[in-house]
Amino acid sequence: MKSRDESLERGVVATGHFNRIVEKLSPRVKAALDEAIRIVISDPEAGRMKVGDLAGIRVYKFKVKTQLYLFSYIDDVDNDRIVLLYFGTHENFYRDHGGKDWLG
């Protein structure tokens, strides 16, 4: 396992889908998402590994006030990067994005 300093040097890549969602966020939610991404960069195993249709994808959960948000990512160890896939509220996350058709 990499040290904390080495993990911080990892690259982060976001899909177009992820970027389009983030563009519409309020400053408060965007700041919370930025902090959550920093946590995942420093500890790529912070998110829960999914199974089934989402096998190989990790999901990290965090709250802003009382609203629960999730974002999905892949820890791409071979390319030393984290790939951000999707972001949304808990209520819509699995309903809208239960498959891998939104990876690009």
Protein backbone atom coordinates (compact mmCIF):
# COMPACT_ATOMS: atom_id res chain seq x y z
CA MET A 1 0.00 0.00 0.00
CA LYS A 2 1.21 3.50 -0.79
CA SER A 3 2.04 6.03 1.85
CA ARG A 4 -0.21 9.03 2.34
CA ASP A 5 2.25 11.31 0.50
CA GLU A 6 2.42 8.97 -2.50
CA SER A 7 -1.39 8.69 -2.62
CA LEU A 8 -1.74 12.47 -2.81
CA GLU A 9 0.30 12.46 -6.01
CA ARG A 10 -2.22 10.26 -7.81
CA GLY A 11 -4.07 11.69 -10.74
CA VAL A 12 -7.79 12.32 -10.74
CA VAL A 13 -9.86 12.07 -13.90
CA ALA A 14 -13.58 12.82 -14.12
CA THR A 15 -15.94 11.54 -16.78
CA GLY A 16 -17.90 14.06 -18.81
CA HIS A 17 -21.04 12.87 -17.04
CA PHE A 18 -19.50 13.62 -13.63
CA ASN A 19 -18.32 17.07 -14.76
CA ARG A 20 -21.74 18.02 -16.15
CA ILE A 21 -23.37 17.20 -12.81
CA VAL A 22 -20.74 19.06 -10.77
CA GLU A 23 -21.13 22.23 -12.88
CA LYS A 24 -24.69 22.60 -11.55
CA LEU A 25 -23.90 22.20 -7.84
CA SER A 26 -24.32 24.89 -5.22
CA PRO A 27 -21.07 26.23 -3.71
CA ARG A 28 -21.79 24.45 -0.41
CA VAL A 29 -22.28 21.04 -2.03
CA LYS A 30 -19.29 21.60 -4.35
CA ALA A 31 -17.05 22.38 -1.35
CA ALA A 32 -18.23 19.24 0.45
CA LEU A 33 -17.65 17.17 -2.71
CA ASP A 34 -14.13 18.60 -3.06
CA GLU A 35 -13.36 17.56 0.52
CA ALA A 36 -14.80 14.07 -0.09
CA ILE A 37 -12.63 13.69 -3.19
CA ARG A 38 -9.55 14.68 -1.17
CA ILE A 39 -10.42 11.94 1.33
CA VAL A 40 -10.68 9.36 -1.46
CA ILE A 41 -7.39 10.50 -3.01
CA SER A 42 -5.62 10.03 0.32
CA ASP A 43 -7.38 6.69 0.95
CA PRO A 44 -8.74 5.09 -2.24
CA GLU A 45 -10.38 2.34 -0.18
CA ALA A 46 -12.52 4.89 1.69
CA GLY A 47 -15.50 4.14 -0.54
CA ARG A 48 -17.45 0.92 -0.29
CA MET A 49 -16.79 -1.62 -3.05
CA LYS A 50 -19.96 -2.51 -4.94
CA VAL A 51 -21.07 -5.88 -6.32
CA GLY A 52 -23.44 -7.01 -9.05
CA ASP A 53 -23.99 -4.49 -11.85
CA LEU A 54 -21.60 -2.07 -10.14
CA ALA A 55 -18.83 -4.59 -9.44
CA GLY A 56 -15.41 -2.95 -9.44
CA ILE A 57 -16.82 0.47 -8.60
CA ARG A 58 -16.49 2.15 -5.21
CA VAL A 59 -19.06 4.53 -3.74
CA TYR A 60 -18.24 7.19 -1.16
CA LYS A 61 -21.06 8.73 0.90
CA PHE A 62 -21.15 12.09 2.67
CA LYS A 63 -23.74 14.51 4.02
CA VAL A 64 -24.35 18.19 3.49
CA LYS A 65 -26.69 19.28 6.27
CA THR A 66 -29.27 16.46 6.22
CA GLN A 67 -28.92 15.45 2.55
CA LEU A 68 -26.92 12.28 1.81
CA TYR A 69 -24.80 12.40 -1.36
CA LEU A 70 -22.80 9.68 -3.08
CA PHE A 71 -20.16 9.63 -5.75
CA SER A 72 -18.78 6.64 -7.56
CA TYR A 73 -15.23 6.10 -8.66
CA ILE A 74 -12.77 3.50 -9.86
CA ASP A 75 -9.37 3.12 -8.24
CA ASP A 76 -7.36 2.65 -11.44
CA VAL A 77 -4.17 1.31 -9.87
CA ASP A 78 -2.60 0.38 -13.21
CA ASN A 79 -2.66 4.02 -14.34
CA ASP A 80 -2.15 5.47 -10.85
CA ARG A 81 -5.34 7.49 -10.93
CA ILE A 82 -8.84 7.76 -9.53
CA VAL A 83 -11.63 7.98 -12.11
CA LEU A 84 -14.71 9.88 -10.90
CA LEU A 85 -17.83 8.43 -12.50
CA TYR A 86 -21.09 9.78 -11.08
CA PHE A 87 -22.42 12.04 -8.34
CA GLY A 88 -25.93 12.33 -6.94
CA THR A 89 -28.26 12.17 -3.98
CA HIS A 90 -28.85 8.84 -2.32
CA GLU A 91 -32.49 8.84 -3.43
CA ASN A 92 -31.60 8.96 -7.12
CA PHE A 93 -28.16 7.38 -7.25
CA TYR A 94 -29.01 3.70 -7.68
CA ARG A 95 -32.30 4.27 -9.47
CA ASP A 96 -30.80 6.46 -12.17
CA HIS A 97 -27.42 4.81 -12.45
CA GLY A 98 -27.68 1.16 -11.62
CA GLY A 99 -25.67 0.09 -14.66
CA LYS A 100 -22.35 0.93 -16.26
CA ASP A 101 -23.81 2.66 -19.32
CA TRP A 102 -22.89 6.06 -17.81
CA LEU A 103 -19.16 5.39 -17.47
CA GLY A 104 -18.22 7.64 -20.36
